[in-house]
Amino acid sequence: MSDFIEVMKSTALNDGEMTAVLLEGHDLLVAKVDGEFYIADGRCPHLHGHMVKGTLEGTVLTCPLHGSQFDLTDGSVVRWTKWEGAVLGVAKLVRHPRSLRTYEVKVEDGTVYVGPQKATTA
């Protein structure tokens, strides 16, 4: 997705809401926080959970499967998992923390558009 593509009308979401969108074969999540729109991959990069089934607190999105938290402003990992102890140790051997892909967003004339992937953070 190199160009900006229409996703939805800006009135389709209220503040604090998110929705799943399938666009050109990509599962995306669209969230609106304090009047700003954020678009990210619709699946967790770790266990592929449907992120729309997670929770949204401000710009922090929590995976419904294992509690990873991501900042929608840049996709960075806020918390890798809610697991602790030996389970966390094993999980680190199998999977490592990965950022959630986020995308450029613009809103024009009441329409939300998704653009290229933002530069990833560590």
Protein backbone atom coordinates (compact mmCIF):
# COMPACT_ATOMS: atom_id res chain seq x y z
CA MET A 1 0.00 0.00 0.00
CA SER A 2 2.21 2.83 -1.22
CA ASP A 3 -0.51 5.41 -1.94
CA PHE A 4 -3.25 6.62 0.34
CA ILE A 5 -6.41 4.52 0.10
CA GLU A 6 -9.88 5.40 1.38
CA VAL A 7 -10.80 3.46 4.51
CA MET A 8 -14.01 4.95 5.96
CA LYS A 9 -15.91 8.10 6.76
CA SER A 10 -14.50 9.92 9.78
CA THR A 11 -17.93 9.87 11.42
CA ALA A 12 -17.94 6.04 11.49
CA LEU A 13 -16.04 5.93 14.82
CA ASN A 14 -16.48 7.77 18.08
CA ASP A 15 -13.55 8.63 20.34
CA GLY A 16 -12.25 5.54 22.13
CA GLU A 17 -13.65 3.14 19.53
CA MET A 18 -11.89 0.81 17.13
CA THR A 19 -12.96 -1.37 14.24
CA ALA A 20 -11.52 -4.02 11.96
CA VAL A 21 -11.21 -3.31 8.25
CA LEU A 22 -10.20 -5.65 5.44
CA LEU A 23 -8.53 -3.57 2.75
CA GLU A 24 -6.85 -5.02 -0.31
CA GLY A 25 -6.27 -8.31 1.54
CA HIS A 26 -4.84 -6.63 4.66
CA ASP A 27 -6.44 -6.98 8.11
CA LEU A 28 -6.28 -3.52 9.60
CA LEU A 29 -7.41 -1.97 12.85
CA VAL A 30 -8.69 1.61 12.84
CA ALA A 31 -8.93 3.46 16.16
CA LYS A 32 -10.00 6.97 17.07
CA VAL A 33 -8.47 8.57 20.16
CA ASP A 34 -8.97 12.22 21.13
CA GLY A 35 -10.10 13.05 17.60
CA GLU A 36 -7.07 11.43 15.96
CA PHE A 37 -7.21 8.29 13.81
CA TYR A 38 -4.66 5.50 14.05
CA ILE A 39 -4.32 2.53 11.73
CA ALA A 40 -2.33 -0.61 12.53
CA ASP A 41 -2.18 -4.26 11.55
CA GLY A 42 -5.32 -6.04 12.67
CA ARG A 43 -3.35 -9.03 13.99
CA CYS A 44 -0.86 -9.23 16.84
CA PRO A 45 2.70 -9.81 15.54
CA HIS A 46 3.25 -12.48 18.20
CA LEU A 47 0.27 -14.87 18.32
CA HIS A 48 -1.83 -13.31 15.54
CA GLY A 49 -4.74 -12.45 17.82
CA HIS A 50 -7.50 -10.25 16.41
CA MET A 51 -6.51 -6.89 17.87
CA VAL A 52 -10.04 -5.49 17.57
CA LYS A 53 -11.04 -8.00 20.27
CA GLY A 54 -8.47 -6.45 22.60
CA THR A 55 -8.78 -3.32 24.69
CA LEU A 56 -7.95 0.28 23.93
CA GLU A 57 -6.88 2.68 26.68
CA GLY A 58 -5.81 5.98 25.19
CA THR A 59 -3.42 5.01 22.40
CA VAL A 60 -2.39 1.75 24.12
CA LEU A 61 -3.84 -1.34 22.46
CA THR A 62 -3.77 -4.66 24.35
CA CYS A 63 -3.75 -8.04 22.58
CA PRO A 64 -6.67 -10.25 23.65
CA LEU A 65 -4.57 -13.43 23.61
CA HIS A 66 -1.52 -12.72 25.73
CA GLY A 67 -1.73 -9.15 26.89
CA SER A 68 0.98 -7.56 24.76
CA GLN A 69 0.49 -3.81 24.67
CA PHE A 70 1.35 -1.50 21.80
CA ASP A 71 1.35 2.27 21.41
CA LEU A 72 -0.71 3.07 18.31
CA THR A 73 1.22 6.28 17.70
CA ASP A 74 4.26 4.32 16.51
CA GLY A 75 3.57 0.59 17.11
CA SER A 76 6.17 0.29 19.86
CA VAL A 77 5.84 -2.41 22.50
CA VAL A 78 4.65 -0.98 25.81
CA ARG A 79 4.49 -4.40 27.51
CA TRP A 80 5.43 -7.60 25.75
CA THR A 81 3.10 -9.97 27.60
CA LYS A 82 1.15 -10.34 30.80
CA TRP A 83 2.76 -13.73 31.41
CA GLU A 84 5.19 -14.15 34.29
CA GLY A 85 7.77 -16.56 35.66
CA ALA A 86 8.64 -19.75 33.77
CA VAL A 87 5.94 -19.19 31.16
CA LEU A 88 7.49 -15.83 30.31
CA GLY A 89 10.95 -17.44 30.09
CA VAL A 90 9.73 -20.07 27.64
CA ALA A 91 7.81 -17.47 25.63
CA LYS A 92 10.98 -15.39 25.22
CA LEU A 93 12.75 -18.42 23.77
CA VAL A 94 9.97 -19.07 21.25
CA ARG A 95 8.90 -15.51 20.41
CA HIS A 96 10.51 -12.14 20.98
CA PRO A 97 8.85 -8.76 21.34
CA ARG A 98 7.98 -7.23 17.98
CA SER A 99 6.40 -3.89 17.21
CA LEU A 100 2.94 -3.65 15.71
CA ARG A 101 3.00 -2.26 12.17
CA THR A 102 1.33 1.13 11.99
CA TYR A 103 0.44 3.19 8.95
CA GLU A 104 0.32 6.82 7.91
CA VAL A 105 -3.18 8.29 8.19
CA LYS A 106 -4.77 11.37 6.73
CA VAL A 107 -8.28 12.73 7.01
CA GLU A 108 -9.65 14.90 4.23
CA ASP A 109 -13.19 16.09 3.63
CA GLY A 110 -14.58 13.72 6.26
CA THR A 111 -12.84 10.63 4.88
CA VAL A 112 -10.07 8.59 6.56
CA TYR A 113 -7.23 7.37 4.33
CA VAL A 114 -4.45 4.87 5.06
CA GLY A 115 -1.01 5.34 3.58
CA PRO A 116 2.40 3.70 3.70
CA GLN A 117 3.69 1.83 6.71
CA LYS A 118 5.36 4.07 9.28
CA ALA A 119 9.03 3.49 10.04
CA THR A 120 9.30 0.76 12.65
CA THR A 121 10.66 1.26 16.12
CA ALA A 122 12.90 -1.22 17.88
